[in-house]
Amino acid sequence: MSTVARKLLELIRFSHTIFALPFALLAAALAWKDEPFRWQDLVGILLCMVFARSAAMAFNRLVDRGIDAANPRTAARHLPTGTLSGAVVWSFTLACCAGFVASTLLFYAREPSNPWPLYLCGPVLLFVLAYSLAKRFTSLAHFWLGAALMLAPVAAWIAVKGLTEMTVPFLLGAAVAFWVAGFDILYACQDATFDKEIGLHSVPARFGIPASLRIAAGCHAIMFALLVGLYFASPHLGAIFLVGLSAVGVLLVYEHRLVRADDLSRVNRAFFHVNGVISLGLLAVVLVQLAVK
C-alpha cells in the first residue's frame, strides 16, 4: 500500500466503517429471506457503503480543517499538519462520490424495474455530505449524522426489494439513527468547551456534559425500544435475536458507565470498541437467527 493511500485510510478512519456497514448487511439479509440472493447486490451494497462513507469523511476533514487546526485534540490530523494536501483529499472525495454513483448502476443493470438506487443516489449523497456543515448552525447535528447512517439499512433494503414492505427497514434505520446520535453526543462531550468558545453547535456545548449524558442515554433507550419493535415487525426474527438484543442492552448500559461527567478519559473505548461490538454482534446474531429459522 502506498504512503498516500495509507494516509487517506487514516484520514477517513476506514475502520469506523464497521458502525454502519453491518446494519446495511443486516437489512439486506432480512430482505434476502424474501428475495433471491444475488452476489451483484452484495457487491453493490459493499461498494456503495465504502464509497459513500469515504466521501463523507474526506469532505468532513476538508470543511473542518480550520476548526481541526484550532482544536488541540484534532490539531495533529492530516490536513492541519500538511501530511495530506487539500488537492489530494479533494480528488479522493470526488472519486469516491463518482464511485458511489457508479456503484448504484450494479443494481439497475441487474434489475431495471428497480431504478430507485440510481434515482436516489444523488439526494442521499448530498444529505450525507451536508452533515459536515450542520454543526455550524444547529445543535441537532448529532441527529443529522444519525439520519445519514440510517440511510444505510434503508438503502440496502431498497436495493434488494425496492420500495416495498418498508416497516422493517425503517424500524432498523430509526434504531441506527438514535444509536449513532447517542454515541456521537458522548463523543462530542470531549469538545464541549471548545465548541462553545468558537460558536459551534452541539448538544454538549448547549446543554452541558451532565445533561448531554442523559440525552445520549435516552437516545440509546429509544434505539433499544425500536429494536424490540423490529422483533415484532419481522417474521424472520425469533428467540436467538432476543438473546442478542439482551446482550446489546447490557453493552449499552456498560457504554454509559464508562463515561462520566467528571471523567471523559474512556470516551474512545465507549465510542469505538463497545459500538463496534454492538454492530458486528447484532449482525452475527441476525445471521445465525436467519440460518436456523
Protein backbone atom coordinates (compact mmCIF):
# COMPACT_ATOMS: atom_id res chain seq x y z
CA MET A 1 0.00 0.00 0.00
CA SER A 2 1.38 3.41 -0.94
CA THR A 3 2.03 6.02 1.72
CA VAL A 4 -0.67 8.31 0.32
CA ALA A 5 -3.26 5.51 0.29
CA ARG A 6 -2.41 4.57 3.86
CA LYS A 7 -2.73 8.18 4.98
CA LEU A 8 -6.08 8.53 3.21
CA LEU A 9 -7.38 5.46 5.04
CA GLU A 10 -6.18 7.01 8.29
CA LEU A 11 -7.81 10.32 7.35
CA ILE A 12 -11.24 8.79 6.88
CA ARG A 13 -10.81 6.30 9.73
CA PHE A 14 -11.71 3.45 7.43
CA SER A 15 -12.04 1.02 10.34
CA HIS A 16 -15.07 3.01 11.55
CA THR A 17 -16.98 1.62 8.57
CA ILE A 18 -18.00 -1.15 10.99
CA PHE A 19 -20.57 1.21 12.51
CA ALA A 20 -22.97 1.42 9.56
CA LEU A 21 -21.95 -1.44 7.24
CA PRO A 22 -23.18 -4.29 9.48
CA PHE A 23 -26.63 -2.69 9.66
CA ALA A 24 -26.76 -2.37 5.87
CA LEU A 25 -25.88 -6.06 5.59
CA LEU A 26 -28.40 -6.91 8.30
CA ALA A 27 -31.19 -5.19 6.35
CA ALA A 28 -30.10 -6.91 3.15
CA ALA A 29 -30.06 -10.30 4.90
CA LEU A 30 -33.64 -9.79 6.08
CA ALA A 31 -34.64 -8.75 2.56
CA TRP A 32 -32.93 -11.81 1.05
CA LYS A 33 -35.21 -14.06 3.10
CA ASP A 34 -37.96 -12.96 0.70
CA GLU A 35 -35.88 -12.31 -2.42
CA PRO A 36 -33.27 -14.44 -4.24
CA PHE A 37 -29.73 -13.78 -3.04
CA ARG A 38 -27.55 -12.22 -5.72
CA TRP A 39 -23.83 -11.60 -5.45
CA GLN A 40 -24.29 -8.48 -7.56
CA ASP A 41 -26.46 -6.98 -4.82
CA LEU A 42 -23.92 -7.79 -2.13
CA VAL A 43 -21.05 -6.26 -4.12
CA GLY A 44 -23.15 -3.19 -4.88
CA ILE A 45 -24.06 -2.67 -1.22
CA LEU A 46 -20.44 -3.03 -0.11
CA LEU A 47 -19.18 -0.62 -2.75
CA CYS A 48 -21.89 1.96 -2.08
CA MET A 49 -21.22 1.85 1.66
CA VAL A 50 -17.46 2.22 1.30
CA PHE A 51 -17.63 4.99 -1.30
CA ALA A 52 -20.38 6.99 0.46
CA ARG A 53 -18.72 6.88 3.86
CA SER A 54 -15.27 7.61 2.46
CA ALA A 55 -16.60 10.63 0.54
CA ALA A 56 -18.42 11.91 3.63
CA MET A 57 -15.43 11.55 5.94
CA ALA A 58 -13.00 13.12 3.48
CA PHE A 59 -15.38 16.03 2.88
CA ASN A 60 -15.76 16.44 6.64
CA ARG A 61 -11.99 16.71 7.05
CA LEU A 62 -11.82 19.27 4.24
CA VAL A 63 -14.51 21.61 5.54
CA ASP A 64 -13.32 21.23 9.16
CA ARG A 65 -9.58 21.64 8.61
CA GLY A 66 -9.56 25.15 10.05
CA ILE A 67 -11.57 24.04 13.07
CA ASP A 68 -9.37 20.97 13.50
CA ALA A 69 -6.24 23.13 13.40
CA ALA A 70 -7.57 25.30 16.23
CA ASN A 71 -8.64 22.38 18.43
CA PRO A 72 -5.76 20.85 20.45
CA ARG A 73 -7.46 17.44 20.29
CA THR A 74 -7.51 17.40 16.48
CA ALA A 75 -4.60 19.67 15.53
CA ALA A 76 -2.42 16.69 14.61
CA ARG A 77 -4.78 15.45 11.88
CA HIS A 78 -3.51 15.12 8.33
CA LEU A 79 -4.81 18.34 6.77
CA PRO A 80 -3.89 20.74 9.61
CA THR A 81 -0.35 19.35 9.70
CA GLY A 82 0.05 19.23 5.92
CA THR A 83 0.57 15.46 5.91
CA LEU A 84 -2.00 15.36 3.11
CA SER A 85 -2.70 18.25 0.77
CA GLY A 86 -6.16 19.69 0.15
CA ALA A 87 -5.84 18.85 -3.54
CA VAL A 88 -5.23 15.16 -2.80
CA VAL A 89 -8.18 14.96 -0.40
CA TRP A 90 -10.49 16.82 -2.80
CA SER A 91 -9.52 14.42 -5.58
CA PHE A 92 -10.17 11.47 -3.30
CA THR A 93 -13.56 12.91 -2.25
CA LEU A 94 -14.71 13.46 -5.83
CA ALA A 95 -13.50 9.99 -6.87
CA CYS A 96 -15.48 8.42 -4.02
CA CYS A 97 -18.60 10.40 -4.99
CA ALA A 98 -18.27 9.16 -8.57
CA GLY A 99 -17.66 5.62 -7.32
CA PHE A 100 -20.81 5.75 -5.20
CA VAL A 101 -22.99 6.85 -8.11
CA ALA A 102 -21.41 4.29 -10.45
CA SER A 103 -21.96 1.51 -7.91
CA THR A 104 -25.73 2.06 -7.97
CA LEU A 105 -25.65 1.06 -11.64
CA LEU A 106 -24.98 -2.51 -10.49
CA PHE A 107 -28.49 -2.68 -9.07
CA TYR A 108 -30.05 -1.10 -12.15
CA ALA A 109 -28.18 -3.44 -14.51
CA ARG A 110 -29.37 -6.43 -12.51
CA GLU A 111 -32.99 -5.27 -12.16
CA PRO A 112 -34.05 -2.35 -14.41
CA SER A 113 -37.53 -2.49 -12.86
CA ASN A 114 -35.99 -1.22 -9.60
CA PRO A 115 -34.38 2.10 -10.58
CA TRP A 116 -34.66 3.58 -7.07
CA PRO A 117 -31.00 3.13 -6.05
CA LEU A 118 -29.96 5.12 -9.13
CA TYR A 119 -32.69 7.75 -8.70
CA LEU A 120 -31.94 8.29 -5.00
CA CYS A 121 -28.13 8.22 -5.09
CA GLY A 122 -27.82 11.97 -5.67
CA PRO A 123 -30.10 13.12 -2.81
CA VAL A 124 -28.58 10.51 -0.49
CA LEU A 125 -25.05 11.66 -1.27
CA LEU A 126 -25.92 15.33 -0.78
CA PHE A 127 -27.61 14.60 2.56
CA VAL A 128 -24.65 12.58 3.81
CA LEU A 129 -22.13 15.24 2.76
CA ALA A 130 -24.20 18.09 4.19
CA TYR A 131 -23.84 16.66 7.70
CA SER A 132 -20.34 18.17 7.84
CA LEU A 133 -21.84 21.67 7.77
CA ALA A 134 -24.63 21.05 10.28
CA LYS A 135 -22.78 21.92 13.49
CA ARG A 136 -22.29 25.45 12.17
CA PHE A 137 -26.00 26.20 12.56
CA THR A 138 -27.76 23.53 14.67
CA SER A 139 -27.22 21.50 17.82
CA LEU A 140 -29.16 18.73 16.09
CA ALA A 141 -26.06 17.85 14.07
CA HIS A 142 -25.75 14.57 16.01
CA PHE A 143 -29.20 13.57 14.81
CA TRP A 144 -28.31 14.59 11.26
CA LEU A 145 -25.40 12.15 11.48
CA GLY A 146 -27.76 9.51 12.83
CA ALA A 147 -30.17 10.12 9.95
CA ALA A 148 -27.27 9.86 7.48
CA LEU A 149 -26.31 6.44 8.83
CA MET A 150 -29.98 5.47 8.99
CA LEU A 151 -29.91 5.54 5.21
CA ALA A 152 -27.53 2.55 5.14
CA PRO A 153 -30.06 -0.17 6.11
CA VAL A 154 -32.93 1.59 4.35
CA ALA A 155 -30.97 1.92 1.11
CA ALA A 156 -29.73 -1.68 1.29
CA TRP A 157 -33.31 -2.91 1.67
CA ILE A 158 -34.47 -0.81 -1.29
CA ALA A 159 -31.58 -2.11 -3.39
CA VAL A 160 -32.74 -5.69 -2.81
CA LYS A 161 -36.54 -5.35 -2.63
CA GLY A 162 -37.40 -1.91 -3.96
CA LEU A 163 -39.82 0.42 -2.17
CA THR A 164 -41.91 -2.38 -0.67
CA GLU A 165 -42.68 -3.54 2.89
CA MET A 166 -40.75 -0.62 4.40
CA THR A 167 -41.71 -1.12 8.06
CA VAL A 168 -38.73 -3.37 8.82
CA PRO A 169 -36.03 -1.16 7.25
CA PHE A 170 -37.50 1.99 8.79
CA LEU A 171 -37.54 0.47 12.27
CA LEU A 172 -33.98 -0.74 11.83
CA GLY A 173 -32.90 2.57 10.32
CA ALA A 174 -34.52 4.57 13.13
CA ALA A 175 -32.71 2.37 15.67
CA VAL A 176 -29.43 3.15 13.91
CA ALA A 177 -30.26 6.87 13.88
CA PHE A 178 -30.79 7.07 17.65
CA TRP A 179 -27.83 4.76 18.35
CA VAL A 180 -25.48 6.94 16.31
CA ALA A 181 -26.87 10.19 17.70
CA GLY A 182 -26.38 8.87 21.22
CA PHE A 183 -22.78 7.84 20.86
CA ASP A 184 -21.95 10.95 18.83
CA ILE A 185 -23.22 13.08 21.71
CA LEU A 186 -20.95 11.11 24.05
CA TYR A 187 -18.01 11.70 21.72
CA ALA A 188 -18.80 15.41 21.39
CA CYS A 189 -18.52 15.85 25.17
CA GLN A 190 -14.75 15.96 24.65
CA ASP A 191 -15.09 19.24 22.71
CA ALA A 192 -17.90 20.88 24.68
CA THR A 193 -15.78 23.80 25.91
CA PHE A 194 -14.01 24.32 22.57
CA ASP A 195 -17.25 24.21 20.57
CA LYS A 196 -18.89 26.75 22.86
CA GLU A 197 -15.91 29.10 22.68
CA ILE A 198 -15.80 29.25 18.88
CA GLY A 199 -19.55 29.21 18.31
CA LEU A 200 -20.07 25.65 17.05
CA HIS A 201 -23.33 23.94 17.89
CA SER A 202 -23.55 20.63 19.71
CA VAL A 203 -25.68 19.13 22.43
CA PRO A 204 -22.81 19.23 24.99
CA ALA A 205 -21.98 22.85 24.10
CA ARG A 206 -25.60 23.88 24.52
CA PHE A 207 -26.78 21.82 27.49
CA GLY A 208 -23.56 20.90 29.30
CA ILE A 209 -22.00 17.50 29.78
CA PRO A 210 -24.21 16.04 32.57
CA ALA A 211 -27.41 16.78 30.65
CA SER A 212 -25.83 15.52 27.42
CA LEU A 213 -25.03 12.19 29.02
CA ARG A 214 -28.70 11.85 29.96
CA ILE A 215 -29.79 12.79 26.43
CA ALA A 216 -27.40 10.19 24.98
CA ALA A 217 -28.79 7.56 27.36
CA GLY A 218 -32.31 8.49 26.25
CA CYS A 219 -31.30 8.05 22.60
CA HIS A 220 -29.98 4.59 23.34
CA ALA A 221 -33.12 3.64 25.25
CA ILE A 222 -35.15 4.62 22.18
CA MET A 223 -32.78 2.60 19.99
CA PHE A 224 -33.37 -0.47 22.16
CA ALA A 225 -37.15 0.02 22.02
CA LEU A 226 -37.04 0.28 18.22
CA LEU A 227 -35.09 -2.98 18.01
CA VAL A 228 -37.78 -4.61 20.14
CA GLY A 229 -40.27 -3.24 17.62
CA LEU A 230 -38.18 -4.77 14.84
CA TYR A 231 -38.54 -8.17 16.50
CA PHE A 232 -42.33 -7.90 16.34
CA ALA A 233 -42.34 -6.45 12.81
CA SER A 234 -40.15 -9.06 11.15
CA PRO A 235 -41.45 -12.63 10.75
CA HIS A 236 -37.87 -13.87 10.44
CA LEU A 237 -36.65 -12.93 13.93
CA GLY A 238 -37.04 -15.16 16.95
CA ALA A 239 -35.53 -16.23 20.27
CA ILE A 240 -31.91 -16.00 19.11
CA PHE A 241 -32.44 -12.37 18.16
CA LEU A 242 -33.96 -11.66 21.58
CA VAL A 243 -30.91 -13.15 23.29
CA GLY A 244 -28.66 -10.96 21.16
CA LEU A 245 -30.84 -7.94 21.87
CA SER A 246 -30.45 -8.56 25.60
CA ALA A 247 -26.68 -8.51 25.13
CA VAL A 248 -26.99 -5.21 23.24
CA GLY A 249 -28.87 -3.77 26.21
CA VAL A 250 -26.08 -4.83 28.57
CA LEU A 251 -23.46 -3.29 26.28
CA LEU A 252 -25.36 -0.01 26.10
CA VAL A 253 -25.51 0.17 29.89
CA TYR A 254 -21.79 -0.62 30.05
CA GLU A 255 -21.06 2.11 27.49
CA HIS A 256 -22.75 4.71 29.65
CA ARG A 257 -21.00 3.52 32.78
CA LEU A 258 -17.67 4.13 31.03
CA VAL A 259 -18.34 7.84 30.55
CA ARG A 260 -18.94 10.23 33.44
CA ALA A 261 -19.28 13.99 33.50
CA ASP A 262 -16.10 14.27 35.56
CA ASP A 263 -14.16 11.61 33.64
CA LEU A 264 -14.17 11.53 29.83
CA SER A 265 -10.95 9.54 29.57
CA ARG A 266 -12.79 6.42 28.38
CA VAL A 267 -14.90 8.06 25.67
CA ASN A 268 -12.88 6.46 22.89
CA ARG A 269 -13.39 3.00 24.36
CA ALA A 270 -17.11 3.64 24.63
CA PHE A 271 -17.23 5.18 21.15
CA PHE A 272 -15.28 2.64 19.13
CA HIS A 273 -14.88 -0.65 20.97
CA VAL A 274 -18.32 -1.03 22.53
CA ASN A 275 -20.24 0.24 19.49
CA GLY A 276 -18.14 -1.90 17.16
CA VAL A 277 -19.12 -4.96 19.20
CA ILE A 278 -22.79 -3.90 19.10
CA SER A 279 -22.92 -3.51 15.32
CA LEU A 280 -20.93 -6.62 14.42
CA GLY A 281 -22.53 -8.67 17.18
CA LEU A 282 -26.07 -7.80 16.13
CA LEU A 283 -25.28 -8.70 12.53
CA ALA A 284 -23.86 -12.06 13.64
CA VAL A 285 -26.91 -12.77 15.80
CA VAL A 286 -29.33 -12.00 12.95
CA LEU A 287 -27.37 -14.16 10.51
CA VAL A 288 -27.49 -17.08 12.94
CA GLN A 289 -31.21 -16.45 13.52
CA LEU A 290 -31.94 -16.45 9.79
CA ALA A 291 -29.88 -19.58 9.28
CA VAL A 292 -31.90 -21.62 11.78
CA LYS A 293 -35.40 -20.19 11.26
